[in-house]
């Protein structure tokens, strides 16, 4: 089964991005939200405007962890797109890192069961698809196994790597993130784990792990 093992974010100011991700987690023993080898940074001057077509989600165990991680990101320089709040599905909020990446931190729990730990249960990459059915076919052809599918709205692929992968209609994903759906230019992201290919919306994949360490 094909997997998503790591992500490289392309940033305009590499030093500033390294500082942000090193300081974003209130847990002093972790950086980059504690994502370790799952996240890398690479300098790029490719133009990008507006919504870049994807979001990264961190799922945690309880609201206290949402507040810890989202608050740490804001203290490090992130902008709040959606304040952390309760909803029908749980508790969560959305922030935008200084490099432009949109991060959602959420839990299905509505009550705390203990002190916050900052531990992340899952990392989920959601790609905004213009045509979810077409993108689904592309990924199935690349060896991804569908776990859940809701017509032309949403697809969740079976977890087989360090990062979970899903597809969401672009406009719906932008709405969930609290931003306008318009955007153009580079997505400013590269995925690692599958073979080299580019999906129908221009998201690029490279085989193997990215080179180098975050902050190295």
N, C-alpha and C. Protein backbone atom coordinates (compact mmCIF):
# COMPACT_ATOMS: atom_id res chain seq x y z
N UNK A 1 0.84 -1.20 0.00
CA UNK A 1 0.00 0.00 0.00
C UNK A 1 0.88 1.25 0.00
N UNK A 2 0.58 2.20 -0.85
CA UNK A 2 1.36 3.43 -0.93
C UNK A 2 1.12 4.28 0.32
N UNK A 3 2.14 4.99 0.75
CA UNK A 3 2.04 5.77 1.98
C UNK A 3 2.54 7.19 1.79
N UNK A 4 2.18 8.05 2.74
CA UNK A 4 2.69 9.41 2.83
C UNK A 4 3.56 9.47 4.07
N UNK A 5 4.86 9.60 3.87
CA UNK A 5 5.80 9.48 4.98
C UNK A 5 6.29 10.82 5.52
N UNK A 6 6.32 11.84 4.68
CA UNK A 6 6.84 13.13 5.11
C UNK A 6 6.38 14.22 4.17
N UNK A 7 6.50 15.46 4.65
CA UNK A 7 6.08 16.64 3.89
C UNK A 7 7.20 17.67 3.92
N UNK A 8 7.44 18.30 2.79
CA UNK A 8 8.35 19.44 2.74
C UNK A 8 7.54 20.69 2.45
N UNK A 9 7.66 21.68 3.32
CA UNK A 9 7.04 22.98 3.11
C UNK A 9 8.06 23.91 2.48
N UNK A 10 7.67 24.57 1.41
CA UNK A 10 8.54 25.54 0.76
C UNK A 10 8.22 26.92 1.33
N UNK A 11 9.25 27.60 1.80
CA UNK A 11 9.06 28.87 2.50
C UNK A 11 9.95 29.94 1.89
N UNK A 12 9.49 31.18 1.94
CA UNK A 12 10.25 32.29 1.37
C UNK A 12 11.44 32.68 2.25
N UNK A 13 11.25 32.58 3.57
CA UNK A 13 12.30 32.95 4.52
C UNK A 13 12.59 31.72 5.37
N UNK A 14 13.62 30.98 5.01
CA UNK A 14 13.91 29.72 5.68
C UNK A 14 14.27 29.92 7.14
N UNK A 15 15.09 30.90 7.45
CA UNK A 15 15.51 31.13 8.83
C UNK A 15 14.32 31.49 9.71
N UNK A 16 13.43 32.35 9.19
CA UNK A 16 12.25 32.74 9.97
C UNK A 16 11.33 31.55 10.19
N UNK A 17 11.15 30.72 9.17
CA UNK A 17 10.29 29.54 9.31
C UNK A 17 10.87 28.57 10.32
N UNK A 18 12.18 28.38 10.30
CA UNK A 18 12.81 27.49 11.27
C UNK A 18 12.60 28.00 12.69
N UNK A 19 12.70 29.31 12.88
CA UNK A 19 12.47 29.89 14.21
C UNK A 19 11.04 29.66 14.65
N UNK A 20 10.10 29.89 13.72
CA UNK A 20 8.69 29.72 14.09
C UNK A 20 8.41 28.29 14.52
N UNK A 21 8.80 27.32 13.71
CA UNK A 21 8.47 25.94 14.04
C UNK A 21 9.23 25.43 15.24
N UNK A 22 10.40 26.01 15.51
CA UNK A 22 11.14 25.64 16.71
C UNK A 22 10.46 26.17 17.96
N UNK A 23 9.73 27.28 17.83
CA UNK A 23 9.10 27.91 18.99
C UNK A 23 7.60 27.66 19.08
N UNK A 24 7.03 27.02 18.07
CA UNK A 24 5.57 26.89 18.01
C UNK A 24 5.01 25.96 19.07
N UNK A 25 5.79 25.02 19.53
CA UNK A 25 5.30 24.06 20.52
C UNK A 25 5.72 24.51 21.90
N UNK A 26 4.77 24.60 22.81
CA UNK A 26 5.09 25.00 24.18
C UNK A 26 5.91 23.93 24.89
N UNK A 27 5.94 22.71 24.35
CA UNK A 27 6.75 21.64 24.91
C UNK A 27 8.19 21.86 24.48
N UNK A 28 9.06 22.20 25.39
CA UNK A 28 10.44 22.57 25.05
C UNK A 28 11.23 21.39 24.48
N UNK A 29 10.70 20.18 24.62
CA UNK A 29 11.42 19.01 24.12
C UNK A 29 11.09 18.69 22.68
N UNK A 30 10.26 19.50 22.05
CA UNK A 30 9.85 19.20 20.67
C UNK A 30 9.85 20.47 19.84
N UNK A 31 10.04 20.31 18.53
CA UNK A 31 9.90 21.46 17.65
C UNK A 31 8.95 21.10 16.53
N UNK A 32 8.60 22.09 15.73
CA UNK A 32 7.69 21.88 14.60
C UNK A 32 6.45 21.12 15.02
N UNK A 33 5.83 21.55 16.13
CA UNK A 33 4.68 20.86 16.70
C UNK A 33 5.02 19.43 17.11
N UNK A 34 6.29 19.12 17.29
CA UNK A 34 6.67 17.77 17.65
C UNK A 34 6.57 16.78 16.51
N UNK A 35 6.65 17.26 15.26
CA UNK A 35 6.45 16.38 14.11
C UNK A 35 7.71 15.66 13.66
N UNK A 36 8.86 16.07 14.16
CA UNK A 36 10.09 15.36 13.85
C UNK A 36 10.34 15.21 12.37
N UNK A 37 10.63 13.97 11.94
CA UNK A 37 11.00 13.72 10.55
C UNK A 37 9.84 13.82 9.58
N UNK A 38 8.63 14.02 10.10
CA UNK A 38 7.47 14.12 9.21
C UNK A 38 7.41 15.46 8.49
N UNK A 39 8.12 16.47 8.99
CA UNK A 39 8.06 17.80 8.40
C UNK A 39 9.45 18.35 8.12
N UNK A 40 9.64 18.87 6.91
CA UNK A 40 10.89 19.51 6.54
C UNK A 40 10.58 20.87 5.91
N UNK A 41 11.58 21.72 5.85
CA UNK A 41 11.44 23.05 5.25
C UNK A 41 12.47 23.20 4.14
N UNK A 42 12.09 23.95 3.10
CA UNK A 42 13.00 24.21 1.99
C UNK A 42 12.74 25.63 1.47
N UNK A 43 13.80 26.36 1.23
CA UNK A 43 13.66 27.72 0.73
C UNK A 43 13.13 27.70 -0.71
N UNK A 44 12.21 28.61 -1.01
CA UNK A 44 11.67 28.72 -2.35
C UNK A 44 11.12 30.12 -2.56
N UNK A 45 11.33 30.64 -3.74
CA UNK A 45 10.80 31.95 -4.10
C UNK A 45 9.67 31.83 -5.13
N UNK A 46 9.14 30.62 -5.31
CA UNK A 46 8.03 30.44 -6.23
C UNK A 46 6.85 31.29 -5.78
N UNK A 47 6.24 32.06 -6.68
CA UNK A 47 5.13 32.93 -6.28
C UNK A 47 3.90 32.13 -5.87
N UNK A 48 3.22 32.62 -4.84
CA UNK A 48 1.97 32.00 -4.38
C UNK A 48 1.10 33.09 -3.78
N UNK A 49 -0.16 33.11 -4.16
CA UNK A 49 -1.08 34.10 -3.62
C UNK A 49 -2.34 33.42 -3.13
N UNK A 50 -2.91 33.94 -2.07
CA UNK A 50 -4.18 33.42 -1.56
C UNK A 50 -4.08 32.01 -1.02
N UNK A 51 -5.19 31.29 -1.07
CA UNK A 51 -5.28 29.93 -0.54
C UNK A 51 -4.40 29.00 -1.38
N UNK A 52 -3.55 28.25 -0.72
CA UNK A 52 -2.62 27.37 -1.44
C UNK A 52 -3.19 25.98 -1.71
N UNK A 53 -4.43 25.76 -1.31
CA UNK A 53 -5.11 24.53 -1.69
C UNK A 53 -4.95 23.36 -0.76
N UNK A 54 -4.34 23.55 0.40
CA UNK A 54 -4.21 22.44 1.34
C UNK A 54 -4.22 22.95 2.78
N UNK A 55 -4.51 22.05 3.70
CA UNK A 55 -4.36 22.34 5.12
C UNK A 55 -3.71 21.15 5.80
N UNK A 56 -3.04 21.42 6.90
CA UNK A 56 -2.47 20.38 7.73
C UNK A 56 -3.21 20.37 9.06
N UNK A 57 -3.64 19.19 9.51
CA UNK A 57 -4.39 19.07 10.74
C UNK A 57 -3.62 18.24 11.76
N UNK A 58 -3.66 18.69 12.99
CA UNK A 58 -3.09 17.95 14.11
C UNK A 58 -4.25 17.50 14.99
N UNK A 59 -4.44 16.20 15.15
CA UNK A 59 -5.50 15.72 16.02
C UNK A 59 -4.89 15.32 17.36
N UNK A 60 -5.56 15.76 18.42
CA UNK A 60 -5.07 15.54 19.78
C UNK A 60 -6.17 14.92 20.62
N UNK A 61 -5.88 14.66 21.89
CA UNK A 61 -6.80 13.89 22.73
C UNK A 61 -7.85 14.72 23.44
N UNK A 62 -7.57 16.00 23.71
CA UNK A 62 -8.50 16.78 24.51
C UNK A 62 -8.33 18.27 24.23
N UNK A 63 -9.33 19.08 24.63
CA UNK A 63 -9.28 20.53 24.37
C UNK A 63 -8.04 21.21 24.93
N UNK A 64 -7.55 20.76 26.08
CA UNK A 64 -6.37 21.40 26.67
C UNK A 64 -5.17 21.33 25.74
N UNK A 65 -5.07 20.24 24.98
CA UNK A 65 -3.95 20.09 24.05
C UNK A 65 -4.13 20.98 22.83
N UNK A 66 -5.39 21.18 22.42
CA UNK A 66 -5.66 22.14 21.34
C UNK A 66 -5.18 23.52 21.77
N UNK A 67 -5.57 23.93 22.96
CA UNK A 67 -5.19 25.26 23.45
C UNK A 67 -3.68 25.39 23.59
N UNK A 68 -3.01 24.33 24.04
CA UNK A 68 -1.57 24.37 24.22
C UNK A 68 -0.85 24.55 22.88
N UNK A 69 -1.22 23.74 21.90
CA UNK A 69 -0.53 23.78 20.61
C UNK A 69 -0.89 25.03 19.80
N UNK A 70 -2.19 25.35 19.75
CA UNK A 70 -2.60 26.54 19.02
C UNK A 70 -2.06 27.80 19.68
N UNK A 71 -2.10 27.83 21.01
CA UNK A 71 -1.57 28.99 21.73
C UNK A 71 -0.08 29.15 21.54
N UNK A 72 0.65 28.03 21.55
CA UNK A 72 2.09 28.10 21.31
C UNK A 72 2.40 28.62 19.93
N UNK A 73 1.59 28.22 18.94
CA UNK A 73 1.80 28.70 17.57
C UNK A 73 1.57 30.20 17.47
N UNK A 74 0.51 30.67 18.12
CA UNK A 74 0.21 32.12 18.09
C UNK A 74 1.31 32.90 18.79
N UNK A 75 1.78 32.39 19.92
CA UNK A 75 2.87 33.07 20.64
C UNK A 75 4.12 33.15 19.77
N UNK A 76 4.30 32.16 18.89
CA UNK A 76 5.49 32.13 18.03
C UNK A 76 5.32 32.97 16.77
N UNK A 77 4.10 33.49 16.54
CA UNK A 77 3.90 34.38 15.39
C UNK A 77 2.80 33.99 14.44
N UNK A 78 2.06 32.92 14.72
CA UNK A 78 0.96 32.51 13.84
C UNK A 78 -0.23 33.46 13.98
N UNK A 79 -1.06 33.49 12.94
CA UNK A 79 -2.27 34.31 12.93
C UNK A 79 -3.49 33.41 13.13
N UNK A 80 -4.40 33.84 13.96
CA UNK A 80 -5.62 33.06 14.21
C UNK A 80 -6.59 33.25 13.05
N UNK A 81 -7.00 32.14 12.42
CA UNK A 81 -8.03 32.17 11.39
C UNK A 81 -9.39 31.81 11.99
N UNK A 82 -9.39 30.85 12.89
CA UNK A 82 -10.60 30.47 13.62
C UNK A 82 -10.20 30.20 15.07
N UNK A 83 -10.70 30.99 16.01
CA UNK A 83 -10.35 30.75 17.42
C UNK A 83 -10.82 29.36 17.86
N UNK A 84 -10.08 28.74 18.74
CA UNK A 84 -10.46 27.43 19.25
C UNK A 84 -11.81 27.52 19.95
N UNK A 85 -12.71 26.62 19.61
CA UNK A 85 -14.06 26.65 20.16
C UNK A 85 -14.71 25.27 20.05
N UNK A 86 -15.78 25.07 20.83
CA UNK A 86 -16.54 23.84 20.76
C UNK A 86 -17.42 23.83 19.51
N UNK A 87 -17.68 22.65 19.01
CA UNK A 87 -18.60 22.48 17.89
C UNK A 87 -19.33 21.16 18.06
N UNK A 88 -20.15 20.82 17.09
CA UNK A 88 -20.88 19.57 17.17
C UNK A 88 -19.95 18.37 17.17
N UNK A 89 -18.79 18.51 16.51
CA UNK A 89 -17.88 17.37 16.38
C UNK A 89 -16.77 17.34 17.42
N UNK A 90 -16.63 18.40 18.23
CA UNK A 90 -15.58 18.39 19.22
C UNK A 90 -15.09 19.78 19.57
N UNK A 91 -13.79 20.00 19.45
CA UNK A 91 -13.18 21.26 19.83
C UNK A 91 -11.95 21.48 18.95
N UNK A 92 -11.81 22.69 18.42
CA UNK A 92 -10.65 22.94 17.57
C UNK A 92 -10.55 24.37 17.11
N UNK A 93 -9.41 24.69 16.52
CA UNK A 93 -9.16 26.02 15.98
C UNK A 93 -8.21 25.94 14.82
N UNK A 94 -8.06 27.06 14.10
CA UNK A 94 -7.22 27.10 12.90
C UNK A 94 -6.30 28.31 12.98
N UNK A 95 -5.01 28.09 12.67
CA UNK A 95 -4.04 29.19 12.64
C UNK A 95 -3.27 29.13 11.33
N UNK A 96 -2.69 30.28 10.96
CA UNK A 96 -1.85 30.33 9.77
C UNK A 96 -0.43 30.71 10.19
N UNK A 97 0.52 29.85 9.85
CA UNK A 97 1.92 30.11 10.19
C UNK A 97 2.44 31.30 9.39
N UNK A 98 3.50 31.95 9.84
CA UNK A 98 4.05 33.08 9.10
C UNK A 98 4.45 32.72 7.66
N UNK A 99 4.77 31.46 7.39
CA UNK A 99 5.12 31.05 6.03
C UNK A 99 3.90 30.85 5.15
N UNK A 100 2.69 30.96 5.73
CA UNK A 100 1.46 30.85 4.97
C UNK A 100 0.74 29.52 5.11
N UNK A 101 1.38 28.52 5.71
CA UNK A 101 0.74 27.21 5.89
C UNK A 101 -0.39 27.30 6.90
N UNK A 102 -1.52 26.69 6.55
CA UNK A 102 -2.69 26.68 7.43
C UNK A 102 -2.68 25.40 8.25
N UNK A 103 -2.76 25.56 9.58
CA UNK A 103 -2.76 24.44 10.52
C UNK A 103 -4.07 24.41 11.30
N UNK A 104 -4.69 23.26 11.34
CA UNK A 104 -5.87 23.07 12.17
C UNK A 104 -5.50 22.14 13.32
N UNK A 105 -5.87 22.52 14.53
CA UNK A 105 -5.62 21.68 15.71
C UNK A 105 -6.98 21.32 16.30
N UNK A 106 -7.26 20.03 16.44
CA UNK A 106 -8.61 19.64 16.81
C UNK A 106 -8.64 18.33 17.60
N UNK A 107 -9.75 18.14 18.30
CA UNK A 107 -10.02 16.91 19.04
C UNK A 107 -11.50 16.59 18.95
N UNK A 108 -11.84 15.32 19.00
CA UNK A 108 -13.25 14.94 19.02
C UNK A 108 -13.82 15.02 20.42
N UNK A 109 -12.95 15.16 21.42
CA UNK A 109 -13.40 15.27 22.81
C UNK A 109 -13.86 16.69 23.12
N UNK A 110 -14.82 16.80 24.01
CA UNK A 110 -15.31 18.11 24.40
C UNK A 110 -14.93 18.48 25.84
N UNK A 111 -14.36 17.52 26.56
CA UNK A 111 -13.95 17.76 27.94
C UNK A 111 -12.54 17.24 28.15
N UNK A 112 -11.83 17.89 29.07
CA UNK A 112 -10.49 17.45 29.41
C UNK A 112 -10.53 16.29 30.40
N UNK A 113 -9.58 15.41 30.26
CA UNK A 113 -9.48 14.28 31.18
C UNK A 113 -8.19 14.33 31.99
N UNK A 114 -7.40 15.37 31.78
CA UNK A 114 -6.14 15.51 32.49
C UNK A 114 -5.40 16.73 32.00
N UNK A 115 -4.19 16.96 32.51
CA UNK A 115 -3.41 18.12 32.07
C UNK A 115 -2.95 17.95 30.62
N UNK A 116 -2.73 19.07 29.96
CA UNK A 116 -2.28 19.05 28.57
C UNK A 116 -0.88 18.47 28.48
N UNK A 117 -0.66 17.68 27.44
CA UNK A 117 0.66 17.08 27.21
C UNK A 117 1.30 17.59 25.92
N UNK A 118 0.48 18.13 25.01
CA UNK A 118 1.00 18.54 23.71
C UNK A 118 1.24 17.39 22.77
N UNK A 119 0.84 16.19 23.16
CA UNK A 119 1.05 15.01 22.32
C UNK A 119 0.09 15.02 21.13
N UNK A 120 0.61 14.72 19.95
CA UNK A 120 -0.18 14.70 18.72
C UNK A 120 -0.49 13.26 18.36
N UNK A 121 -1.77 12.97 18.16
CA UNK A 121 -2.18 11.61 17.82
C UNK A 121 -1.99 11.33 16.33
N UNK A 122 -2.41 12.27 15.50
CA UNK A 122 -2.33 12.08 14.05
C UNK A 122 -2.02 13.40 13.36
N UNK A 123 -1.32 13.31 12.25
CA UNK A 123 -1.10 14.43 11.35
C UNK A 123 -1.84 14.12 10.07
N UNK A 124 -2.70 15.03 9.63
CA UNK A 124 -3.53 14.78 8.45
C UNK A 124 -3.32 15.89 7.43
N UNK A 125 -2.98 15.50 6.22
CA UNK A 125 -2.87 16.45 5.11
C UNK A 125 -4.14 16.35 4.27
N UNK A 126 -4.86 17.47 4.17
CA UNK A 126 -6.03 17.53 3.32
C UNK A 126 -5.71 18.36 2.09
N UNK A 127 -5.89 17.76 0.93
CA UNK A 127 -5.65 18.46 -0.33
C UNK A 127 -6.97 18.92 -0.91
N UNK A 128 -7.04 20.19 -1.29
CA UNK A 128 -8.24 20.72 -1.92
C UNK A 128 -8.30 20.32 -3.38
N UNK A 129 -9.31 19.57 -3.75
CA UNK A 129 -9.43 19.06 -5.11
C UNK A 129 -10.51 19.79 -5.88
N UNK A 130 -10.21 20.17 -7.09
CA UNK A 130 -11.22 20.76 -7.96
C UNK A 130 -12.26 19.73 -8.35
N UNK A 131 -11.80 18.52 -8.63
CA UNK A 131 -12.67 17.39 -8.96
C UNK A 131 -12.23 16.22 -8.09
N UNK A 132 -12.95 15.99 -7.00
CA UNK A 132 -12.56 14.96 -6.03
C UNK A 132 -12.51 13.58 -6.67
N UNK A 133 -13.48 13.28 -7.55
CA UNK A 133 -13.52 11.97 -8.19
C UNK A 133 -12.28 11.74 -9.05
N UNK A 134 -11.87 12.75 -9.81
CA UNK A 134 -10.69 12.63 -10.66
C UNK A 134 -9.43 12.46 -9.82
N UNK A 135 -9.33 13.23 -8.74
CA UNK A 135 -8.15 13.12 -7.88
C UNK A 135 -8.13 11.77 -7.18
N UNK A 136 -9.29 11.28 -6.78
CA UNK A 136 -9.35 9.96 -6.16
C UNK A 136 -8.81 8.89 -7.12
N UNK A 137 -9.22 8.95 -8.36
CA UNK A 137 -8.74 7.97 -9.34
C UNK A 137 -7.23 8.04 -9.47
N UNK A 138 -6.69 9.25 -9.49
CA UNK A 138 -5.25 9.43 -9.60
C UNK A 138 -4.52 8.74 -8.45
N UNK A 139 -5.01 8.96 -7.24
CA UNK A 139 -4.33 8.39 -6.08
C UNK A 139 -4.51 6.88 -5.98
N UNK A 140 -5.66 6.40 -6.36
CA UNK A 140 -5.87 4.94 -6.37
C UNK A 140 -4.92 4.30 -7.38
N UNK A 141 -4.72 4.93 -8.52
CA UNK A 141 -3.79 4.42 -9.52
C UNK A 141 -2.35 4.42 -9.01
N UNK A 142 -2.06 5.30 -8.06
CA UNK A 142 -0.72 5.35 -7.48
C UNK A 142 -0.56 4.39 -6.32
N UNK A 143 -1.62 3.64 -5.98
CA UNK A 143 -1.52 2.63 -4.94
C UNK A 143 -2.12 2.98 -3.60
N UNK A 144 -2.79 4.13 -3.49
CA UNK A 144 -3.44 4.48 -2.24
C UNK A 144 -4.76 3.73 -2.11
N UNK A 145 -5.06 3.28 -0.91
CA UNK A 145 -6.30 2.55 -0.65
C UNK A 145 -7.32 3.47 0.01
N UNK A 146 -8.53 3.50 -0.53
CA UNK A 146 -9.59 4.36 0.02
C UNK A 146 -10.16 3.72 1.28
N UNK A 147 -10.21 4.51 2.35
CA UNK A 147 -10.81 4.03 3.60
C UNK A 147 -12.25 4.52 3.73
N UNK A 148 -12.47 5.81 3.41
CA UNK A 148 -13.81 6.38 3.45
C UNK A 148 -13.98 7.28 2.23
N UNK A 149 -15.20 7.34 1.73
CA UNK A 149 -15.48 8.20 0.59
C UNK A 149 -16.90 8.71 0.66
N UNK A 150 -17.06 10.00 0.48
CA UNK A 150 -18.37 10.63 0.48
C UNK A 150 -18.57 11.33 -0.87
N UNK A 151 -18.84 10.50 -1.87
CA UNK A 151 -19.14 11.01 -3.20
C UNK A 151 -18.06 11.90 -3.75
N UNK A 152 -18.47 13.06 -4.23
CA UNK A 152 -17.54 14.02 -4.81
C UNK A 152 -17.13 15.11 -3.82
N UNK A 153 -17.30 14.81 -2.53
CA UNK A 153 -17.01 15.80 -1.50
C UNK A 153 -15.72 15.52 -0.74
N UNK A 154 -15.53 14.26 -0.33
CA UNK A 154 -14.43 13.95 0.60
C UNK A 154 -13.96 12.52 0.40
N UNK A 155 -12.65 12.32 0.47
CA UNK A 155 -12.05 10.98 0.44
C UNK A 155 -10.98 10.91 1.52
N UNK A 156 -11.02 9.83 2.28
CA UNK A 156 -9.98 9.56 3.27
C UNK A 156 -9.27 8.28 2.88
N UNK A 157 -7.94 8.35 2.74
CA UNK A 157 -7.18 7.18 2.37
C UNK A 157 -6.72 6.44 3.62
N UNK A 158 -6.55 5.13 3.49
CA UNK A 158 -6.12 4.30 4.61
C UNK A 158 -4.74 4.75 5.08
N UNK A 159 -4.57 4.81 6.39
CA UNK A 159 -3.29 5.24 6.96
C UNK A 159 -2.24 4.17 6.75
N UNK A 160 -1.16 4.53 6.06
CA UNK A 160 -0.10 3.57 5.80
C UNK A 160 1.28 4.17 6.04
N UNK A 161 1.31 5.43 6.42
CA UNK A 161 2.58 6.11 6.65
C UNK A 161 2.50 7.01 7.86
N UNK A 162 3.45 7.92 7.99
CA UNK A 162 3.52 8.80 9.15
C UNK A 162 2.48 9.91 9.11
N UNK A 163 1.95 10.21 7.91
CA UNK A 163 0.96 11.28 7.74
C UNK A 163 -0.25 10.70 7.02
N UNK A 164 -1.44 11.02 7.52
CA UNK A 164 -2.67 10.58 6.86
C UNK A 164 -2.99 11.54 5.71
N UNK A 165 -3.65 11.01 4.69
CA UNK A 165 -3.95 11.81 3.50
C UNK A 165 -5.44 11.78 3.20
N UNK A 166 -5.99 12.94 2.84
CA UNK A 166 -7.38 13.04 2.45
C UNK A 166 -7.58 14.06 1.35
N UNK A 167 -8.70 13.96 0.66
CA UNK A 167 -9.10 14.91 -0.37
C UNK A 167 -10.40 15.58 0.06
N UNK A 168 -10.52 16.86 -0.22
CA UNK A 168 -11.72 17.61 0.14
C UNK A 168 -11.96 18.60 -0.99
N UNK A 169 -13.21 18.88 -1.30
CA UNK A 169 -13.47 19.90 -2.31
C UNK A 169 -12.79 21.19 -1.92
N UNK A 170 -12.13 21.82 -2.90
CA UNK A 170 -11.31 22.99 -2.60
C UNK A 170 -12.10 24.08 -1.86
N UNK A 171 -13.27 24.42 -2.36
CA UNK A 171 -14.05 25.49 -1.74
C UNK A 171 -14.46 25.11 -0.31
N UNK A 172 -14.82 23.85 -0.12
CA UNK A 172 -15.22 23.41 1.22
C UNK A 172 -14.03 23.42 2.17
N UNK A 173 -12.85 23.05 1.67
CA UNK A 173 -11.66 23.06 2.52
C UNK A 173 -11.30 24.48 2.92
N UNK A 174 -11.40 25.42 1.98
CA UNK A 174 -11.12 26.81 2.31
C UNK A 174 -12.10 27.35 3.34
N UNK A 175 -13.36 26.98 3.19
CA UNK A 175 -14.37 27.42 4.16
C UNK A 175 -14.07 26.86 5.54
N UNK A 176 -13.69 25.59 5.60
CA UNK A 176 -13.37 24.97 6.89
C UNK A 176 -12.17 25.67 7.55
N UNK A 177 -11.25 26.16 6.71
CA UNK A 177 -10.07 26.85 7.25
C UNK A 177 -10.33 28.31 7.59
N UNK A 178 -11.44 28.85 7.10
CA UNK A 178 -11.76 30.24 7.38
C UNK A 178 -11.11 31.22 6.45
N UNK A 179 -10.83 30.78 5.18
CA UNK A 179 -10.20 31.67 4.21
C UNK A 179 -10.99 31.63 2.90
N UNK A 180 -10.74 32.62 2.04
CA UNK A 180 -11.35 32.63 0.71
C UNK A 180 -10.71 31.54 -0.15
N UNK A 181 -11.46 30.91 -1.04
CA UNK A 181 -10.93 29.81 -1.83
C UNK A 181 -10.00 30.23 -2.96
N UNK A 182 -10.00 31.51 -3.32
CA UNK A 182 -9.19 31.95 -4.45
C UNK A 182 -7.70 31.90 -4.11
N UNK A 183 -6.91 31.52 -5.09
CA UNK A 183 -5.47 31.46 -4.92
C UNK A 183 -4.81 31.00 -6.20
N UNK A 184 -3.56 31.33 -6.38
CA UNK A 184 -2.85 30.91 -7.58
C UNK A 184 -1.36 30.76 -7.27
N UNK A 185 -0.65 30.19 -8.23
CA UNK A 185 0.78 30.01 -8.05
C UNK A 185 1.12 28.69 -7.38
N UNK A 186 2.30 28.65 -6.76
CA UNK A 186 2.80 27.42 -6.16
C UNK A 186 1.99 27.01 -4.94
N UNK A 187 1.82 25.70 -4.77
CA UNK A 187 1.19 25.18 -3.54
C UNK A 187 2.14 25.31 -2.36
N UNK A 188 3.44 25.41 -2.64
CA UNK A 188 4.48 25.51 -1.61
C UNK A 188 4.52 24.27 -0.72
N UNK A 189 4.30 23.10 -1.30
CA UNK A 189 4.38 21.86 -0.53
C UNK A 189 4.78 20.73 -1.47
N UNK A 190 5.55 19.77 -0.93
CA UNK A 190 5.89 18.56 -1.67
C UNK A 190 5.70 17.37 -0.73
N UNK A 191 5.10 16.30 -1.25
CA UNK A 191 4.85 15.10 -0.47
C UNK A 191 5.87 14.03 -0.80
N UNK A 192 6.19 13.21 0.21
CA UNK A 192 7.20 12.17 0.04
C UNK A 192 6.63 10.82 0.47
N UNK A 193 6.94 9.81 -0.29
CA UNK A 193 6.54 8.44 0.06
C UNK A 193 6.10 7.66 -1.15
N UNK A 194 5.31 8.25 -2.01
CA UNK A 194 4.88 7.59 -3.25
C UNK A 194 5.94 7.84 -4.32
N UNK A 195 5.72 7.30 -5.51
CA UNK A 195 6.63 7.58 -6.62
C UNK A 195 6.48 9.03 -7.07
N UNK A 196 7.30 9.43 -8.00
CA UNK A 196 7.22 10.80 -8.50
C UNK A 196 6.02 10.96 -9.43
N UNK A 197 5.13 11.86 -9.06
CA UNK A 197 3.99 12.16 -9.91
C UNK A 197 3.39 13.49 -9.47
N UNK A 198 2.52 14.03 -10.31
CA UNK A 198 1.79 15.26 -9.99
C UNK A 198 0.31 14.99 -10.17
N UNK A 199 -0.49 15.34 -9.16
CA UNK A 199 -1.92 15.03 -9.23
C UNK A 199 -2.66 16.06 -10.08
N UNK A 200 -3.96 15.88 -10.32
CA UNK A 200 -4.71 16.78 -11.21
C UNK A 200 -4.71 18.24 -10.78
N UNK A 201 -4.46 18.52 -9.49
CA UNK A 201 -4.45 19.90 -9.01
C UNK A 201 -3.05 20.46 -8.88
N UNK A 202 -2.06 19.71 -9.37
CA UNK A 202 -0.70 20.23 -9.37
C UNK A 202 0.11 19.95 -8.13
N UNK A 203 -0.39 19.11 -7.22
CA UNK A 203 0.39 18.75 -6.03
C UNK A 203 1.46 17.74 -6.43
N UNK A 204 2.71 18.04 -6.07
CA UNK A 204 3.84 17.23 -6.51
C UNK A 204 4.27 16.24 -5.44
N UNK A 205 4.60 15.04 -5.90
CA UNK A 205 5.09 13.97 -5.04
C UNK A 205 6.50 13.59 -5.46
N UNK A 206 7.33 13.24 -4.47
CA UNK A 206 8.68 12.76 -4.72
C UNK A 206 8.88 11.49 -3.91
N UNK A 207 9.52 10.51 -4.48
CA UNK A 207 9.72 9.25 -3.78
C UNK A 207 10.77 9.41 -2.69
N UNK A 208 10.58 8.68 -1.60
CA UNK A 208 11.56 8.67 -0.52
C UNK A 208 11.43 9.84 0.42
N UNK A 209 12.25 9.84 1.45
CA UNK A 209 12.25 10.88 2.47
C UNK A 209 12.96 12.13 1.97
N UNK A 210 12.53 13.32 2.42
CA UNK A 210 13.21 14.55 2.04
C UNK A 210 14.61 14.58 2.65
N UNK A 211 15.50 15.33 2.03
CA UNK A 211 16.88 15.41 2.49
C UNK A 211 17.00 16.48 3.57
N UNK A 212 17.77 16.20 4.60
CA UNK A 212 18.06 17.21 5.60
C UNK A 212 17.10 17.17 6.77
N UNK A 213 17.45 17.92 7.80
CA UNK A 213 16.66 17.98 9.02
C UNK A 213 16.09 19.38 9.20
N UNK A 214 14.91 19.44 9.78
CA UNK A 214 14.32 20.74 10.08
C UNK A 214 15.21 21.47 11.09
N UNK A 215 15.58 22.69 10.73
CA UNK A 215 16.39 23.48 11.63
C UNK A 215 17.85 23.13 11.61
N UNK A 216 18.26 22.17 10.73
CA UNK A 216 19.67 21.77 10.70
C UNK A 216 20.51 22.84 10.01
